[in-house]
PDB file of N, CA and C in Angstrom:
ATOM      1  N   UNK A   1     154.797  37.969-221.072  1.00  0.00           N
ATOM      2  CA  UNK A   1     153.406  37.594-220.869  1.00  0.00           C
ATOM      3  C   UNK A   1     152.571  38.859-220.652  1.00  0.00           C
ATOM      4  N   UNK A   2     151.424  38.907-221.294  1.00  0.00           N
ATOM      5  CA  UNK A   2     150.555  40.076-221.169  1.00  0.00           C
ATOM      6  C   UNK A   2     149.818  40.086-219.837  1.00  0.00           C
ATOM      7  N   UNK A   3     149.464  41.253-219.428  1.00  0.00           N
ATOM      8  CA  UNK A   3     148.752  41.463-218.179  1.00  0.00           C
ATOM      9  C   UNK A   3     147.282  41.033-218.312  1.00  0.00           C
ATOM     10  N   UNK A   4     146.744  40.425-217.267  1.00  0.00           N
ATOM     11  CA  UNK A   4     145.339  40.053-217.270  1.00  0.00           C
ATOM     12  C   UNK A   4     144.460  41.299-217.285  1.00  0.00           C
ATOM     13  N   UNK A   5     143.295  41.165-217.899  1.00  0.00           N
ATOM     14  CA  UNK A   5     142.336  42.263-217.955  1.00  0.00           C
ATOM     15  C   UNK A   5     141.144  41.918-217.082  1.00  0.00           C
ATOM     16  N   UNK A   6     140.841  42.793-216.151  1.00  0.00           N
ATOM     17  CA  UNK A   6     139.644  42.687-215.314  1.00  0.00           C
ATOM     18  C   UNK A   6     138.665  43.752-215.796  1.00  0.00           C
ATOM     19  N   UNK A   7     137.410  43.381-215.853  1.00  0.00           N
ATOM     20  CA  UNK A   7     136.408  44.294-216.381  1.00  0.00           C
ATOM     21  C   UNK A   7     135.122  44.171-215.561  1.00  0.00           C
ATOM     22  N   UNK A   8     134.530  45.314-215.259  1.00  0.00           N
ATOM     23  CA  UNK A   8     133.223  45.351-214.608  1.00  0.00           C
ATOM     24  C   UNK A   8     132.326  46.226-215.471  1.00  0.00           C
ATOM     25  N   UNK A   9     131.150  45.709-215.819  1.00  0.00           N
ATOM     26  CA  UNK A   9     130.178  46.477-216.602  1.00  0.00           C
ATOM     27  C   UNK A   9     128.863  46.490-215.835  1.00  0.00           C
ATOM     28  N   UNK A  10     128.330  47.686-215.624  1.00  0.00           N
ATOM     29  CA  UNK A  10     127.067  47.846-214.896  1.00  0.00           C
ATOM     30  C   UNK A  10     125.960  48.199-215.883  1.00  0.00           C
ATOM     31  N   UNK A  11     124.830  47.514-215.725  1.00  0.00           N
ATOM     32  CA  UNK A  11     123.692  47.680-216.619  1.00  0.00           C
ATOM     33  C   UNK A  11     122.450  48.076-215.827  1.00  0.00           C
ATOM     34  N   UNK A  12     121.749  49.098-216.289  1.00  0.00           N
ATOM     35  CA  UNK A  12     120.469  49.513-215.721  1.00  0.00           C
ATOM     36  C   UNK A  12     119.422  49.229-216.797  1.00  0.00           C
ATOM     37  N   UNK A  13     118.524  48.299-216.508  1.00  0.00           N
ATOM     38  CA  UNK A  13     117.618  47.768-217.531  1.00  0.00           C
ATOM     39  C   UNK A  13     116.165  48.116-217.273  1.00  0.00           C
ATOM     40  N   UNK A  14     115.382  48.130-218.329  1.00  0.00           N
ATOM     41  CA  UNK A  14     113.951  48.408-218.229  1.00  0.00           C
ATOM     42  C   UNK A  14     113.194  47.227-217.640  1.00  0.00           C
ATOM     43  N   UNK A  15     113.451  46.031-218.137  1.00  0.00           N
ATOM     44  CA  UNK A  15     112.721  44.839-217.705  1.00  0.00           C
ATOM     45  C   UNK A  15     113.707  43.706-217.422  1.00  0.00           C
ATOM     46  N   UNK A  16     113.999  43.511-216.162  1.00  0.00           N
ATOM     47  CA  UNK A  16     114.980  42.506-215.768  1.00  0.00           C
ATOM     48  C   UNK A  16     114.559  41.107-216.205  1.00  0.00           C
ATOM     49  N   UNK A  17     113.273  40.803-216.127  1.00  0.00           N
ATOM     50  CA  UNK A  17     112.807  39.457-216.470  1.00  0.00           C
ATOM     51  C   UNK A  17     113.040  39.135-217.941  1.00  0.00           C
ATOM     52  N   UNK A  18     113.017  40.131-218.797  1.00  0.00           N
ATOM     53  CA  UNK A  18     113.280  39.929-220.233  1.00  0.00           C
ATOM     54  C   UNK A  18     114.780  39.845-220.508  1.00  0.00           C
ATOM     55  N   UNK A  19     115.569  40.574-219.729  1.00  0.00           N
ATOM     56  CA  UNK A  19     117.006  40.638-219.963  1.00  0.00           C
ATOM     57  C   UNK A  19     117.759  39.451-219.365  1.00  0.00           C
ATOM     58  N   UNK A  20     117.261  38.904-218.268  1.00  0.00           N
ATOM     59  CA  UNK A  20     117.993  37.841-217.570  1.00  0.00           C
ATOM     60  C   UNK A  20     118.344  36.656-218.475  1.00  0.00           C
ATOM     61  N   UNK A  21     117.415  36.106-219.256  1.00  0.00           N
ATOM     62  CA  UNK A  21     117.791  34.965-220.109  1.00  0.00           C
ATOM     63  C   UNK A  21     118.865  35.318-221.140  1.00  0.00           C
ATOM     64  N   UNK A  22     118.857  36.557-221.607  1.00  0.00           N
ATOM     65  CA  UNK A  22     119.874  37.011-222.568  1.00  0.00           C
ATOM     66  C   UNK A  22     121.238  37.041-221.884  1.00  0.00           C
ATOM     67  N   UNK A  23     121.286  37.617-220.689  1.00  0.00           N
ATOM     68  CA  UNK A  23     122.531  37.657-219.917  1.00  0.00           C
ATOM     69  C   UNK A  23     123.028  36.258-219.570  1.00  0.00           C
ATOM     70  N   UNK A  24     122.132  35.399-219.144  1.00  0.00           N
ATOM     71  CA  UNK A  24     122.510  34.039-218.736  1.00  0.00           C
ATOM     72  C   UNK A  24     123.177  33.289-219.893  1.00  0.00           C
ATOM     73  N   UNK A  25     122.588  33.378-221.061  1.00  0.00           N
ATOM     74  CA  UNK A  25     123.153  32.712-222.241  1.00  0.00           C
ATOM     75  C   UNK A  25     124.524  33.295-222.583  1.00  0.00           C
ATOM     76  N   UNK A  26     124.643  34.615-222.491  1.00  0.00           N
ATOM     77  CA  UNK A  26     125.917  35.274-222.810  1.00  0.00           C
ATOM     78  C   UNK A  26     127.005  34.911-221.792  1.00  0.00           C
ATOM     79  N   UNK A  27     126.653  34.871-220.516  1.00  0.00           N
ATOM     80  CA  UNK A  27     127.631  34.518-219.487  1.00  0.00           C
ATOM     81  C   UNK A  27     128.174  33.111-219.719  1.00  0.00           C
ATOM     82  N   UNK A  28     127.281  32.184-220.022  1.00  0.00           N
ATOM     83  CA  UNK A  28     127.708  30.794-220.269  1.00  0.00           C
ATOM     84  C   UNK A  28     128.625  30.727-221.496  1.00  0.00           C
ATOM     85  N   UNK A  29     128.253  31.403-222.559  1.00  0.00           N
ATOM     86  CA  UNK A  29     129.074  31.407-223.777  1.00  0.00           C
ATOM     87  C   UNK A  29     130.422  32.075-223.530  1.00  0.00           C
ATOM     88  N   UNK A  30     130.427  33.145-222.767  1.00  0.00           N
ATOM     89  CA  UNK A  30     131.669  33.866-222.489  1.00  0.00           C
ATOM     90  C   UNK A  30     132.643  33.004-221.693  1.00  0.00           C
ATOM     91  N   UNK A  31     132.124  32.287-220.689  1.00  0.00           N
ATOM     92  CA  UNK A  31     132.992  31.423-219.872  1.00  0.00           C
ATOM     93  C   UNK A  31     133.652  30.337-220.706  1.00  0.00           C
ATOM     94  N   UNK A  32     133.034  29.946-221.793  1.00  0.00           N
ATOM     95  CA  UNK A  32     133.584  28.881-222.632  1.00  0.00           C
ATOM     96  C   UNK A  32     134.633  29.392-223.626  1.00  0.00           C
ATOM     97  N   UNK A  33     134.785  30.687-223.731  1.00  0.00           N
ATOM     98  CA  UNK A  33     135.707  31.252-224.717  1.00  0.00           C
ATOM     99  C   UNK A  33     137.154  31.157-224.249  1.00  0.00           C
ATOM    100  N   UNK A  34     138.017  30.969-225.225  1.00  0.00           N
ATOM    101  CA  UNK A  34     139.450  30.907-224.969  1.00  0.00           C
ATOM    102  C   UNK A  34     139.905  32.211-224.318  1.00  0.00           C
ATOM    103  N   UNK A  35     140.636  32.094-223.228  1.00  0.00           N
ATOM    104  CA  UNK A  35     141.189  33.255-222.550  1.00  0.00           C
ATOM    105  C   UNK A  35     140.337  33.798-221.424  1.00  0.00           C
ATOM    106  N   UNK A  36     139.100  33.297-221.266  1.00  0.00           N
ATOM    107  CA  UNK A  36     138.249  33.774-220.181  1.00  0.00           C
ATOM    108  C   UNK A  36     138.615  33.038-218.899  1.00  0.00           C
ATOM    109  N   UNK A  37     139.058  33.768-217.890  1.00  0.00           N
ATOM    110  CA  UNK A  37     139.414  33.161-216.609  1.00  0.00           C
ATOM    111  C   UNK A  37     138.206  33.094-215.676  1.00  0.00           C
ATOM    112  N   UNK A  38     137.341  34.103-215.737  1.00  0.00           N
ATOM    113  CA  UNK A  38     136.046  34.025-215.067  1.00  0.00           C
ATOM    114  C   UNK A  38     135.104  35.050-215.668  1.00  0.00           C
ATOM    115  N   UNK A  39     133.828  34.784-215.530  1.00  0.00           N
ATOM    116  CA  UNK A  39     132.789  35.684-216.019  1.00  0.00           C
ATOM    117  C   UNK A  39     131.592  35.509-215.101  1.00  0.00           C
ATOM    118  N   UNK A  40     131.345  36.509-214.271  1.00  0.00           N
ATOM    119  CA  UNK A  40     130.239  36.459-213.311  1.00  0.00           C
ATOM    120  C   UNK A  40     129.140  37.410-213.747  1.00  0.00           C
ATOM    121  N   UNK A  41     127.922  37.005-213.520  1.00  0.00           N
ATOM    122  CA  UNK A  41     126.764  37.860-213.718  1.00  0.00           C
ATOM    123  C   UNK A  41     126.120  38.038-212.358  1.00  0.00           C
ATOM    124  N   UNK A  42     125.979  39.287-211.927  1.00  0.00           N
ATOM    125  CA  UNK A  42     125.369  39.550-210.627  1.00  0.00           C
ATOM    126  C   UNK A  42     124.196  40.512-210.805  1.00  0.00           C
ATOM    127  N   UNK A  43     123.265  40.428-209.858  1.00  0.00           N
ATOM    128  CA  UNK A  43     122.070  41.261-209.890  1.00  0.00           C
ATOM    129  C   UNK A  43     121.930  41.960-208.542  1.00  0.00           C
ATOM    130  N   UNK A  44     121.598  43.237-208.572  1.00  0.00           N
ATOM    131  CA  UNK A  44     121.411  44.017-207.350  1.00  0.00           C
ATOM    132  C   UNK A  44     120.263  43.412-206.538  1.00  0.00           C
ATOM    133  N   UNK A  45     120.498  43.151-205.264  1.00  0.00           N
ATOM    134  CA  UNK A  45     119.469  42.506-204.439  1.00  0.00           C
ATOM    135  C   UNK A  45     118.316  43.424-204.106  1.00  0.00           C
ATOM    136  N   UNK A  46     118.538  44.739-204.140  1.00  0.00           N
ATOM    137  CA  UNK A  46     117.478  45.690-203.831  1.00  0.00           C
ATOM    138  C   UNK A  46     116.776  46.234-205.077  1.00  0.00           C
ATOM    139  N   UNK A  47     117.460  46.188-206.202  1.00  0.00           N
ATOM    140  CA  UNK A  47     116.889  46.689-207.451  1.00  0.00           C
ATOM    141  C   UNK A  47     117.183  45.682-208.560  1.00  0.00           C
ATOM    142  N   UNK A  48     116.256  44.780-208.827  1.00  0.00           N
ATOM    143  CA  UNK A  48     116.504  43.708-209.795  1.00  0.00           C
ATOM    144  C   UNK A  48     116.674  44.185-211.235  1.00  0.00           C
ATOM    145  N   UNK A  49     116.484  45.478-211.499  1.00  0.00           N
ATOM    146  CA  UNK A  49     116.710  45.991-212.851  1.00  0.00           C
ATOM    147  C   UNK A  49     118.185  46.310-213.089  1.00  0.00           C
ATOM    148  N   UNK A  50     119.007  46.172-212.039  1.00  0.00           N
ATOM    149  CA  UNK A  50     120.434  46.476-212.169  1.00  0.00           C
ATOM    150  C   UNK A  50     121.253  45.188-212.119  1.00  0.00           C
ATOM    151  N   UNK A  51     122.047  45.002-213.154  1.00  0.00           N
ATOM    152  CA  UNK A  51     122.936  43.855-213.283  1.00  0.00           C
ATOM    153  C   UNK A  51     124.361  44.361-213.438  1.00  0.00           C
ATOM    154  N   UNK A  52     125.307  43.477-213.230  1.00  0.00           N
ATOM    155  CA  UNK A  52     126.707  43.771-213.548  1.00  0.00           C
ATOM    156  C   UNK A  52     127.373  42.478-213.987  1.00  0.00           C
ATOM    157  N   UNK A  53     128.345  42.627-214.854  1.00  0.00           N
ATOM    158  CA  UNK A  53     129.213  41.505-215.189  1.00  0.00           C
ATOM    159  C   UNK A  53     130.581  41.814-214.600  1.00  0.00           C
ATOM    160  N   UNK A  54     131.214  40.788-214.086  1.00  0.00           N
ATOM    161  CA  UNK A  54     132.586  40.888-213.592  1.00  0.00           C
ATOM    162  C   UNK A  54     133.338  39.794-214.334  1.00  0.00           C
ATOM    163  N   UNK A  55     134.357  40.192-215.049  1.00  0.00           N
ATOM    164  CA  UNK A  55     135.055  39.217-215.885  1.00  0.00           C
ATOM    165  C   UNK A  55     136.558  39.441-215.866  1.00  0.00           C
ATOM    166  N   UNK A  56     137.267  38.371-216.170  1.00  0.00           N
ATOM    167  CA  UNK A  56     138.724  38.433-216.254  1.00  0.00           C
ATOM    168  C   UNK A  56     139.170  37.641-217.471  1.00  0.00           C
ATOM    169  N   UNK A  57     140.047  38.251-218.233  1.00  0.00           N
ATOM    170  CA  UNK A  57     140.597  37.645-219.449  1.00  0.00           C
ATOM    171  C   UNK A  57     142.111  37.527-219.292  1.00  0.00           C
ATOM    172  N   UNK A  58     142.676  36.469-219.855  1.00  0.00           N
ATOM    173  CA  UNK A  58     144.124  36.240-219.748  1.00  0.00           C
ATOM    174  C   UNK A  58     144.919  37.452-220.205  1.00  0.00           C
ATOM    175  N   UNK A  59     144.423  38.119-221.245  1.00  0.00           N
ATOM    176  CA  UNK A  59     145.053  39.350-221.714  1.00  0.00           C
ATOM    177  C   UNK A  59     144.057  40.119-222.582  1.00  0.00           C
ATOM    178  N   UNK A  60     144.459  41.301-222.987  1.00  0.00           N
ATOM    179  CA  UNK A  60     143.562  42.180-223.739  1.00  0.00           C
ATOM    180  C   UNK A  60     143.195  41.582-225.096  1.00  0.00           C
ATOM    181  N   UNK A  61     144.111  40.843-225.704  1.00  0.00           N
ATOM    182  CA  UNK A  61     143.826  40.236-227.008  1.00  0.00           C
ATOM    183  C   UNK A  61     142.635  39.282-226.929  1.00  0.00           C
ATOM    184  N   UNK A  62     142.575  38.461-225.880  1.00  0.00           N
ATOM    185  CA  UNK A  62     141.435  37.553-225.727  1.00  0.00           C
ATOM    186  C   UNK A  62     140.133  38.330-225.529  1.00  0.00           C
ATOM    187  N   UNK A  63     140.185  39.412-224.775  1.00  0.00           N
ATOM    188  CA  UNK A  63     138.999  40.239-224.584  1.00  0.00           C
ATOM    189  C   UNK A  63     138.539  40.846-225.908  1.00  0.00           C
ATOM    190  N   UNK A  64     139.486  41.347-226.690  1.00  0.00           N
ATOM    191  CA  UNK A  64     139.130  41.927-227.988  1.00  0.00           C
ATOM    192  C   UNK A  64     138.504  40.887-228.908  1.00  0.00           C
ATOM    193  N   UNK A  65     139.002  39.658-228.863  1.00  0.00           N
ATOM    194  CA  UNK A  65     138.395  38.580-229.654  1.00  0.00           C
ATOM    195  C   UNK A  65     136.964  38.324-229.187  1.00  0.00           C
ATOM    196  N   UNK A  66     136.761  38.364-227.878  1.00  0.00           N
ATOM    197  CA  UNK A  66     135.444  38.145-227.281  1.00  0.00           C
ATOM    198  C   UNK A  66     134.437  39.181-227.770  1.00  0.00           C
ATOM    199  N   UNK A  67     134.777  40.456-227.716  1.00  0.00           N
ATOM    200  CA  UNK A  67     133.816  41.492-228.106  1.00  0.00           C
ATOM    201  C   UNK A  67     133.640  41.605-229.623  1.00  0.00           C
ATOM    202  N   UNK A  68     134.565  41.028-230.379  1.00  0.00           N
ATOM    203  CA  UNK A  68     134.476  41.095-231.839  1.00  0.00           C
ATOM    204  C   UNK A  68     133.777  39.885-232.462  1.00  0.00           C
ATOM    205  N   UNK A  69     133.498  38.861-231.668  1.00  0.00           N
ATOM    206  CA  UNK A  69     132.924  37.647-232.273  1.00  0.00           C
ATOM    207  C   UNK A  69     131.405  37.747-232.453  1.00  0.00           C
ATOM    208  N   UNK A  70     130.865  36.806-233.205  1.00  0.00           N
ATOM    209  CA  UNK A  70     129.434  36.807-233.535  1.00  0.00           C
ATOM    210  C   UNK A  70     128.543  36.661-232.307  1.00  0.00           C
ATOM    211  N   UNK A  71     128.968  35.870-231.344  1.00  0.00           N
ATOM    212  CA  UNK A  71     128.154  35.657-230.137  1.00  0.00           C
ATOM    213  C   UNK A  71     127.977  36.967-229.383  1.00  0.00           C
ATOM    214  N   UNK A  72     129.058  37.707-229.176  1.00  0.00           N
ATOM    215  CA  UNK A  72     128.972  38.969-228.440  1.00  0.00           C
ATOM    216  C   UNK A  72     128.144  39.987-229.214  1.00  0.00           C
ATOM    217  N   UNK A  73     128.315  40.021-230.510  1.00  0.00           N
ATOM    218  CA  UNK A  73     127.537  40.954-231.330  1.00  0.00           C
ATOM    219  C   UNK A  73     126.034  40.653-231.220  1.00  0.00           C
ATOM    220  N   UNK A  74     125.666  39.378-231.270  1.00  0.00           N
ATOM    221  CA  UNK A  74     124.259  38.991-231.136  1.00  0.00           C
ATOM    222  C   UNK A  74     123.724  39.325-229.744  1.00  0.00           C
ATOM    223  N   UNK A  75     124.539  39.069-228.711  1.00  0.00           N
ATOM    224  CA  UNK A  75     124.156  39.414-227.341  1.00  0.00           C
ATOM    225  C   UNK A  75     123.862  40.908-227.230  1.00  0.00           C
ATOM    226  N   UNK A  76     124.790  41.728-227.703  1.00  0.00           N
ATOM    227  CA  UNK A  76     124.636  43.171-227.533  1.00  0.00           C
ATOM    228  C   UNK A  76     123.426  43.688-228.304  1.00  0.00           C
ATOM    229  N   UNK A  77     123.187  43.142-229.474  1.00  0.00           N
ATOM    230  CA  UNK A  77     122.025  43.550-230.269  1.00  0.00           C
ATOM    231  C   UNK A  77     120.726  43.261-229.507  1.00  0.00           C
ATOM    232  N   UNK A  78     120.667  42.115-228.837  1.00  0.00           N
ATOM    233  CA  UNK A  78     119.463  41.741-228.078  1.00  0.00           C
ATOM    234  C   UNK A  78     119.326  42.537-226.784  1.00  0.00           C
ATOM    235  N   UNK A  79     120.425  42.760-226.078  1.00  0.00           N
ATOM    236  CA  UNK A  79     120.341  43.362-224.745  1.00  0.00           C
ATOM    237  C   UNK A  79     120.176  44.883-224.804  1.00  0.00           C
ATOM    238  N   UNK A  80     120.715  45.534-225.834  1.00  0.00           N
ATOM    239  CA  UNK A  80     120.713  47.002-225.846  1.00  0.00           C
ATOM    240  C   UNK A  80     119.308  47.595-225.869  1.00  0.00           C
ATOM    241  N   UNK A  81     118.328  46.886-226.397  1.00  0.00           N
ATOM    242  CA  UNK A  81     116.960  47.423-226.411  1.00  0.00           C
ATOM    243  C   UNK A  81     116.355  47.474-225.005  1.00  0.00           C
ATOM    244  N   UNK A  82     117.014  46.810-224.032  1.00  0.00           N
ATOM    245  CA  UNK A  82     116.547  46.803-222.645  1.00  0.00           C
ATOM    246  C   UNK A  82     117.238  47.859-221.777  1.00  0.00           C
ATOM    247  N   UNK A  83     118.198  48.591-222.337  1.00  0.00           N
ATOM    248  CA  UNK A  83     118.943  49.585-221.574  1.00  0.00           C
ATOM    249  C   UNK A  83     118.074  50.788-221.211  1.00  0.00           C
ATOM    250  N   UNK A  84     118.177  51.220-219.960  1.00  0.00           N
ATOM    251  CA  UNK A  84     117.651  52.534-219.571  1.00  0.00           C
ATOM    252  C   UNK A  84     118.662  53.608-219.947  1.00  0.00           C
ATOM    253  N   UNK A  85     119.929  53.232-219.844  1.00  0.00           N
ATOM    254  CA  UNK A  85     121.039  54.114-220.207  1.00  0.00           C
ATOM    255  C   UNK A  85     122.200  53.225-220.634  1.00  0.00           C
ATOM    256  N   UNK A  86     123.207  53.829-221.215  1.00  0.00           N
ATOM    257  CA  UNK A  86     124.382  53.059-221.642  1.00  0.00           C
ATOM    258  C   UNK A  86     125.062  52.429-220.433  1.00  0.00           C
ATOM    259  N   UNK A  87     125.626  51.243-220.614  1.00  0.00           N
ATOM    260  CA  UNK A  87     126.337  50.590-219.503  1.00  0.00           C
ATOM    261  C   UNK A  87     127.547  51.410-219.053  1.00  0.00           C
ATOM    262  N   UNK A  88     127.881  51.275-217.781  1.00  0.00           N
ATOM    263  CA  UNK A  88     129.112  51.853-217.240  1.00  0.00           C
ATOM    264  C   UNK A  88     130.144  50.732-217.232  1.00  0.00           C
ATOM    265  N   UNK A  89     131.272  50.963-217.871  1.00  0.00           N
ATOM    266  CA  UNK A  89     132.300  49.923-217.991  1.00  0.00           C
ATOM    267  C   UNK A  89     133.594  50.424-217.367  1.00  0.00           C
ATOM    268  N   UNK A  90     134.196  49.574-216.552  1.00  0.00           N
ATOM    269  CA  UNK A  90     135.472  49.898-215.934  1.00  0.00           C
ATOM    270  C   UNK A  90     136.457  48.769-216.236  1.00  0.00           C
ATOM    271  N   UNK A  91     137.546  49.108-216.893  1.00  0.00           N
ATOM    272  CA  UNK A  91     138.659  48.177-217.041  1.00  0.00           C
ATOM    273  C   UNK A  91     139.553  48.396-215.837  1.00  0.00           C
ATOM    274  N   UNK A  92     140.022  47.303-215.243  1.00  0.00           N
ATOM    275  CA  UNK A  92     140.719  47.435-213.972  1.00  0.00           C
ATOM    276  C   UNK A  92     141.979  46.572-213.927  1.00  0.00           C
ATOM    277  N   UNK A  93     142.829  46.915-212.973  1.00  0.00           N
ATOM    278  CA  UNK A  93     143.985  46.102-212.613  1.00  0.00           C
ATOM    279  C   UNK A  93     143.702  45.491-211.253  1.00  0.00           C
ATOM    280  N   UNK A  94     144.086  44.262-211.044  1.00  0.00           N
ATOM    281  CA  UNK A  94     143.914  43.613-209.747  1.00  0.00           C
ATOM    282  C   UNK A  94     144.950  44.197-208.778  1.00  0.00           C
ATOM    283  N   UNK A  95     144.460  44.727-207.676  1.00  0.00           N
ATOM    284  CA  UNK A  95     145.335  45.295-206.669  1.00  0.00           C
ATOM    285  C   UNK A  95     145.585  44.287-205.564  1.00  0.00           C
ATOM    286  N   UNK A  96     144.545  43.567-205.176  1.00  0.00           N
ATOM    287  CA  UNK A  96     144.679  42.568-204.115  1.00  0.00           C
ATOM    288  C   UNK A  96     143.710  41.438-204.420  1.00  0.00           C
ATOM    289  N   UNK A  97     144.167  40.230-204.246  1.00  0.00           N
ATOM    290  CA  UNK A  97     143.334  39.058-204.491  1.00  0.00           C
ATOM    291  C   UNK A  97     142.798  38.465-203.209  1.00  0.00           C
ATOM    292  N   UNK A  98     142.796  37.161-203.138  1.00  0.00           N
ATOM    293  CA  UNK A  98     142.225  36.459-201.994  1.00  0.00           C
ATOM    294  C   UNK A  98     143.332  35.876-201.117  1.00  0.00           C
ATOM    295  N   UNK A  99     144.379  36.678-200.901  1.00  0.00           N
ATOM    296  CA  UNK A  99     145.503  36.210-200.105  1.00  0.00           C
ATOM    297  C   UNK A  99     145.058  35.839-198.701  1.00  0.00           C
TER     298      UNK A  99
END
């Protein structure tokens, strides 16, 4: 069995109000995809122009399918024009859960 993939992506955006509906639609679509265990969208409480996604995929293959599909491509095309800078992405291993 393949190892689960945890991913955190941080976004610094020009106009949060324009980007939020794009993120919301993408988060909902991502959660419905095969292999997605969770997909959270969070917003910085002090700086609403900063968002992050926290997601977990059953394995790397499901994640690769996610980023290669038409929905993700359309999302990225729409959201990238709102970037102040490129997103910071961290692929991670779970060290401790909610024991």
